Amino acid sequence: MILRDENGKAVGIERLSDITKEIDDIESIFNKAIKNKKKGGAMSEEEKEALKLRLGDVKVLMAGVDDEVKKSANAMEVIAFIKSLTKLKKLADNAKAEFEND
């Protein structure tokens, strides 16, 4: 579970898999946006802002992973995390060209 402050900003996680799930959700948003862009559509400003906030939350969460979470993560969680992170990076790099003119 992602821990949030009173303003809804992400401040921590309970397990490494929480970040993995968030990354997978962001990837899904990117995929939908790319498909929509190829059909001639565009993300609304609200959708863009929401995506930026979620990406910012992931950045905060990754920077704030404490030693307890690191020690409690099993090999499968670490592998899934690295796989999701790598997949998102490749997707973002490929999508960059799609959205430069947006």
N, C-alpha and C. Protein backbone atom coordinates (compact mmCIF):
# COMPACT_ATOMS: atom_id res chain seq x y z
N MET A 1 0.84 -1.17 0.00
CA MET A 1 0.00 0.00 0.00
C MET A 1 0.90 1.25 0.00
N ILE A 2 0.49 2.20 -0.79
CA ILE A 2 1.21 3.48 -0.84
C ILE A 2 0.67 4.36 0.29
N LEU A 3 1.57 4.85 1.09
CA LEU A 3 1.20 5.73 2.19
C LEU A 3 1.19 7.17 1.68
N ARG A 4 0.14 7.91 2.02
CA ARG A 4 -0.03 9.27 1.54
C ARG A 4 -0.24 10.23 2.70
N ASP A 5 0.14 11.49 2.48
CA ASP A 5 -0.09 12.50 3.50
C ASP A 5 -1.50 13.04 3.37
N GLU A 6 -1.84 14.04 4.18
CA GLU A 6 -3.20 14.58 4.18
C GLU A 6 -3.57 15.27 2.87
N ASN A 7 -2.58 15.63 2.05
CA ASN A 7 -2.84 16.26 0.76
C ASN A 7 -2.88 15.25 -0.39
N GLY A 8 -2.71 13.97 -0.07
CA GLY A 8 -2.75 12.93 -1.09
C GLY A 8 -1.42 12.65 -1.76
N LYS A 9 -0.36 13.31 -1.32
CA LYS A 9 0.98 13.07 -1.89
C LYS A 9 1.55 11.79 -1.31
N ALA A 10 2.22 11.01 -2.16
CA ALA A 10 2.85 9.78 -1.72
C ALA A 10 4.03 10.10 -0.81
N VAL A 11 4.12 9.38 0.32
CA VAL A 11 5.21 9.60 1.26
C VAL A 11 5.97 8.32 1.60
N GLY A 12 5.40 7.16 1.27
CA GLY A 12 6.09 5.92 1.59
C GLY A 12 5.33 4.71 1.07
N ILE A 13 5.97 3.56 1.25
CA ILE A 13 5.37 2.29 0.81
C ILE A 13 5.54 1.26 1.91
N GLU A 14 4.76 0.19 1.82
CA GLU A 14 4.91 -0.92 2.74
C GLU A 14 5.77 -2.01 2.14
N ARG A 15 5.67 -2.20 0.82
CA ARG A 15 6.42 -3.25 0.13
C ARG A 15 6.91 -2.73 -1.21
N LEU A 16 7.96 -3.32 -1.72
CA LEU A 16 8.50 -2.94 -3.02
C LEU A 16 7.46 -3.14 -4.13
N SER A 17 6.63 -4.14 -3.97
CA SER A 17 5.61 -4.42 -4.97
C SER A 17 4.61 -3.27 -5.11
N ASP A 18 4.51 -2.41 -4.10
CA ASP A 18 3.62 -1.24 -4.20
C ASP A 18 4.10 -0.29 -5.30
N ILE A 19 5.41 -0.09 -5.37
CA ILE A 19 5.97 0.75 -6.44
C ILE A 19 5.79 0.06 -7.78
N THR A 20 6.01 -1.23 -7.82
CA THR A 20 5.85 -1.99 -9.07
C THR A 20 4.44 -1.84 -9.61
N LYS A 21 3.45 -1.94 -8.73
CA LYS A 21 2.06 -1.79 -9.16
C LYS A 21 1.81 -0.39 -9.71
N GLU A 22 2.35 0.62 -9.04
CA GLU A 22 2.17 2.00 -9.49
C GLU A 22 2.82 2.20 -10.86
N ILE A 23 4.00 1.64 -11.05
CA ILE A 23 4.69 1.74 -12.34
C ILE A 23 3.86 1.06 -13.43
N ASP A 24 3.30 -0.11 -13.13
CA ASP A 24 2.47 -0.82 -14.09
C ASP A 24 1.22 -0.02 -14.45
N ASP A 25 0.63 0.66 -13.47
CA ASP A 25 -0.54 1.51 -13.74
C ASP A 25 -0.16 2.68 -14.65
N ILE A 26 0.99 3.28 -14.40
CA ILE A 26 1.46 4.39 -15.23
C ILE A 26 1.73 3.90 -16.65
N GLU A 27 2.30 2.72 -16.77
CA GLU A 27 2.55 2.14 -18.09
C GLU A 27 1.24 1.97 -18.85
N SER A 28 0.22 1.53 -18.17
CA SER A 28 -1.09 1.36 -18.79
C SER A 28 -1.63 2.70 -19.31
N ILE A 29 -1.45 3.76 -18.55
CA ILE A 29 -1.88 5.09 -18.97
C ILE A 29 -1.11 5.52 -20.22
N PHE A 30 0.21 5.30 -20.21
CA PHE A 30 1.02 5.62 -21.38
C PHE A 30 0.54 4.85 -22.61
N ASN A 31 0.29 3.56 -22.46
CA ASN A 31 -0.16 2.76 -23.60
C ASN A 31 -1.47 3.27 -24.17
N LYS A 32 -2.41 3.61 -23.30
CA LYS A 32 -3.69 4.14 -23.77
C LYS A 32 -3.49 5.47 -24.49
N ALA A 33 -2.63 6.32 -23.94
CA ALA A 33 -2.37 7.62 -24.55
C ALA A 33 -1.72 7.47 -25.93
N ILE A 34 -0.81 6.55 -26.05
CA ILE A 34 -0.14 6.32 -27.34
C ILE A 34 -1.14 5.81 -28.37
N LYS A 35 -1.98 4.86 -27.98
CA LYS A 35 -3.01 4.35 -28.90
C LYS A 35 -3.96 5.46 -29.32
N ASN A 36 -4.35 6.30 -28.37
CA ASN A 36 -5.24 7.41 -28.67
C ASN A 36 -4.57 8.41 -29.60
N LYS A 37 -3.30 8.68 -29.37
CA LYS A 37 -2.54 9.63 -30.20
C LYS A 37 -2.45 9.12 -31.64
N LYS A 38 -2.23 7.82 -31.80
CA LYS A 38 -2.14 7.25 -33.14
C LYS A 38 -3.47 7.34 -33.89
N LYS A 39 -4.58 7.42 -33.15
CA LYS A 39 -5.91 7.56 -33.74
C LYS A 39 -6.28 9.03 -33.94
N GLY A 40 -5.35 9.93 -33.59
CA GLY A 40 -5.61 11.35 -33.78
C GLY A 40 -6.05 12.09 -32.54
N GLY A 41 -6.17 11.40 -31.43
CA GLY A 41 -6.59 12.04 -30.19
C GLY A 41 -5.40 12.59 -29.42
N ALA A 42 -5.70 13.24 -28.34
CA ALA A 42 -4.65 13.80 -27.49
C ALA A 42 -5.09 13.71 -26.03
N MET A 43 -4.12 13.69 -25.14
CA MET A 43 -4.44 13.70 -23.71
C MET A 43 -4.93 15.09 -23.32
N SER A 44 -5.91 15.11 -22.45
CA SER A 44 -6.37 16.40 -21.94
C SER A 44 -5.33 16.94 -20.97
N GLU A 45 -5.42 18.22 -20.68
CA GLU A 45 -4.49 18.83 -19.74
C GLU A 45 -4.62 18.20 -18.35
N GLU A 46 -5.85 17.83 -17.98
CA GLU A 46 -6.07 17.19 -16.68
C GLU A 46 -5.38 15.83 -16.63
N GLU A 47 -5.47 15.08 -17.72
CA GLU A 47 -4.82 13.76 -17.78
C GLU A 47 -3.30 13.91 -17.72
N LYS A 48 -2.79 14.91 -18.41
CA LYS A 48 -1.34 15.16 -18.39
C LYS A 48 -0.87 15.51 -16.99
N GLU A 49 -1.62 16.37 -16.30
CA GLU A 49 -1.26 16.76 -14.94
C GLU A 49 -1.32 15.57 -14.00
N ALA A 50 -2.36 14.75 -14.14
CA ALA A 50 -2.49 13.56 -13.28
C ALA A 50 -1.32 12.61 -13.50
N LEU A 51 -0.91 12.45 -14.74
CA LEU A 51 0.22 11.58 -15.06
C LEU A 51 1.51 12.14 -14.47
N LYS A 52 1.70 13.44 -14.59
CA LYS A 52 2.89 14.08 -14.02
C LYS A 52 2.94 13.88 -12.50
N LEU A 53 1.79 14.01 -11.84
CA LEU A 53 1.74 13.83 -10.40
C LEU A 53 2.09 12.39 -10.01
N ARG A 54 1.56 11.44 -10.77
CA ARG A 54 1.86 10.03 -10.46
C ARG A 54 3.32 9.72 -10.69
N LEU A 55 3.90 10.27 -11.76
CA LEU A 55 5.33 10.07 -12.00
C LEU A 55 6.16 10.71 -10.89
N GLY A 56 5.74 11.87 -10.43
CA GLY A 56 6.41 12.53 -9.31
C GLY A 56 6.31 11.70 -8.04
N ASP A 57 5.14 11.09 -7.81
CA ASP A 57 4.97 10.23 -6.65
C ASP A 57 5.92 9.03 -6.70
N VAL A 58 6.07 8.43 -7.88
CA VAL A 58 6.97 7.29 -8.03
C VAL A 58 8.40 7.72 -7.72
N LYS A 59 8.77 8.89 -8.18
CA LYS A 59 10.12 9.40 -7.91
C LYS A 59 10.34 9.55 -6.41
N VAL A 60 9.37 10.12 -5.71
CA VAL A 60 9.47 10.28 -4.26
C VAL A 60 9.53 8.92 -3.57
N LEU A 61 8.68 8.01 -4.01
CA LEU A 61 8.64 6.68 -3.39
C LEU A 61 9.96 5.94 -3.56
N MET A 62 10.52 6.01 -4.76
CA MET A 62 11.77 5.31 -5.01
C MET A 62 12.90 5.90 -4.18
N ALA A 63 12.89 7.20 -4.01
CA ALA A 63 13.94 7.84 -3.22
C ALA A 63 13.78 7.54 -1.73
N GLY A 64 12.58 7.23 -1.32
CA GLY A 64 12.31 7.04 0.10
C GLY A 64 12.23 5.59 0.56
N VAL A 65 12.64 4.66 -0.27
CA VAL A 65 12.59 3.25 0.13
C VAL A 65 13.58 3.06 1.29
N ASP A 66 13.04 2.61 2.41
CA ASP A 66 13.91 2.46 3.58
C ASP A 66 14.53 1.06 3.64
N ASP A 67 15.46 0.89 4.56
CA ASP A 67 16.19 -0.37 4.67
C ASP A 67 15.28 -1.54 5.00
N GLU A 68 14.24 -1.30 5.76
CA GLU A 68 13.32 -2.38 6.13
C GLU A 68 12.62 -2.94 4.89
N VAL A 69 12.19 -2.04 4.01
CA VAL A 69 11.53 -2.48 2.77
C VAL A 69 12.53 -3.24 1.89
N LYS A 70 13.73 -2.73 1.80
CA LYS A 70 14.76 -3.40 0.99
C LYS A 70 15.05 -4.80 1.51
N LYS A 71 15.16 -4.93 2.81
CA LYS A 71 15.47 -6.23 3.40
C LYS A 71 14.32 -7.21 3.28
N SER A 72 13.09 -6.70 3.32
CA SER A 72 11.93 -7.59 3.28
C SER A 72 11.54 -8.01 1.87
N ALA A 73 12.09 -7.36 0.86
CA ALA A 73 11.76 -7.70 -0.53
C ALA A 73 12.40 -9.03 -0.91
N ASN A 74 11.58 -9.90 -1.48
CA ASN A 74 12.14 -11.16 -1.95
C ASN A 74 12.61 -11.01 -3.39
N ALA A 75 13.28 -12.01 -3.89
CA ALA A 75 13.88 -11.95 -5.23
C ALA A 75 12.83 -11.69 -6.31
N MET A 76 11.67 -12.30 -6.20
CA MET A 76 10.64 -12.12 -7.22
C MET A 76 10.13 -10.68 -7.24
N GLU A 77 10.01 -10.06 -6.07
CA GLU A 77 9.58 -8.66 -6.02
C GLU A 77 10.62 -7.75 -6.68
N VAL A 78 11.88 -8.02 -6.42
CA VAL A 78 12.95 -7.20 -7.00
C VAL A 78 12.98 -7.38 -8.52
N ILE A 79 12.86 -8.61 -8.99
CA ILE A 79 12.86 -8.87 -10.43
C ILE A 79 11.68 -8.18 -11.09
N ALA A 80 10.49 -8.30 -10.50
CA ALA A 80 9.30 -7.66 -11.06
C ALA A 80 9.46 -6.14 -11.09
N PHE A 81 10.05 -5.58 -10.04
CA PHE A 81 10.28 -4.14 -9.98
C PHE A 81 11.21 -3.69 -11.09
N ILE A 82 12.33 -4.37 -11.24
CA ILE A 82 13.31 -4.00 -12.27
C ILE A 82 12.70 -4.15 -13.66
N LYS A 83 11.96 -5.22 -13.86
CA LYS A 83 11.31 -5.45 -15.16
C LYS A 83 10.31 -4.33 -15.48
N SER A 84 9.49 -3.97 -14.51
CA SER A 84 8.50 -2.91 -14.73
C SER A 84 9.17 -1.56 -14.98
N LEU A 85 10.20 -1.28 -14.22
CA LEU A 85 10.91 -0.01 -14.38
C LEU A 85 11.58 0.08 -15.75
N THR A 86 12.20 -0.99 -16.19
CA THR A 86 12.85 -1.03 -17.50
C THR A 86 11.83 -0.89 -18.62
N LYS A 87 10.72 -1.58 -18.47
CA LYS A 87 9.65 -1.52 -19.48
C LYS A 87 9.08 -0.10 -19.59
N LEU A 88 8.88 0.55 -18.44
CA LEU A 88 8.36 1.92 -18.45
C LEU A 88 9.36 2.87 -19.09
N LYS A 89 10.62 2.71 -18.79
CA LYS A 89 11.65 3.57 -19.38
C LYS A 89 11.65 3.44 -20.91
N LYS A 90 11.62 2.21 -21.41
CA LYS A 90 11.59 2.00 -22.86
C LYS A 90 10.33 2.61 -23.47
N LEU A 91 9.20 2.41 -22.81
CA LEU A 91 7.94 2.96 -23.30
C LEU A 91 7.98 4.48 -23.32
N ALA A 92 8.51 5.08 -22.27
CA ALA A 92 8.60 6.54 -22.21
C ALA A 92 9.52 7.08 -23.29
N ASP A 93 10.64 6.39 -23.52
CA ASP A 93 11.55 6.82 -24.58
C ASP A 93 10.89 6.75 -25.94
N ASN A 94 10.14 5.69 -26.19
CA ASN A 94 9.45 5.53 -27.47
C ASN A 94 8.29 6.52 -27.61
N ALA A 95 7.63 6.82 -26.50
CA ALA A 95 6.48 7.72 -26.54
C ALA A 95 6.89 9.18 -26.68
N LYS A 96 8.10 9.49 -26.29
CA LYS A 96 8.56 10.87 -26.32
C LYS A 96 8.36 11.49 -27.71
N ALA A 97 8.72 10.75 -28.74
CA ALA A 97 8.56 11.25 -30.10
C ALA A 97 7.09 11.45 -30.46
N GLU A 98 6.23 10.58 -29.94
CA GLU A 98 4.80 10.68 -30.23
C GLU A 98 4.19 11.96 -29.67
N PHE A 99 4.70 12.40 -28.50
CA PHE A 99 4.07 13.51 -27.80
C PHE A 99 4.83 14.82 -27.92
N GLU A 100 5.93 14.86 -28.61
CA GLU A 100 6.69 16.10 -28.71
C GLU A 100 5.88 17.22 -29.34
N ASN A 101 5.02 16.89 -30.24
CA ASN A 101 4.22 17.91 -30.91
C ASN A 101 2.88 18.13 -30.23
N ASP A 102 2.65 17.47 -29.13
CA ASP A 102 1.37 17.57 -28.43
C ASP A 102 1.29 18.81 -27.57
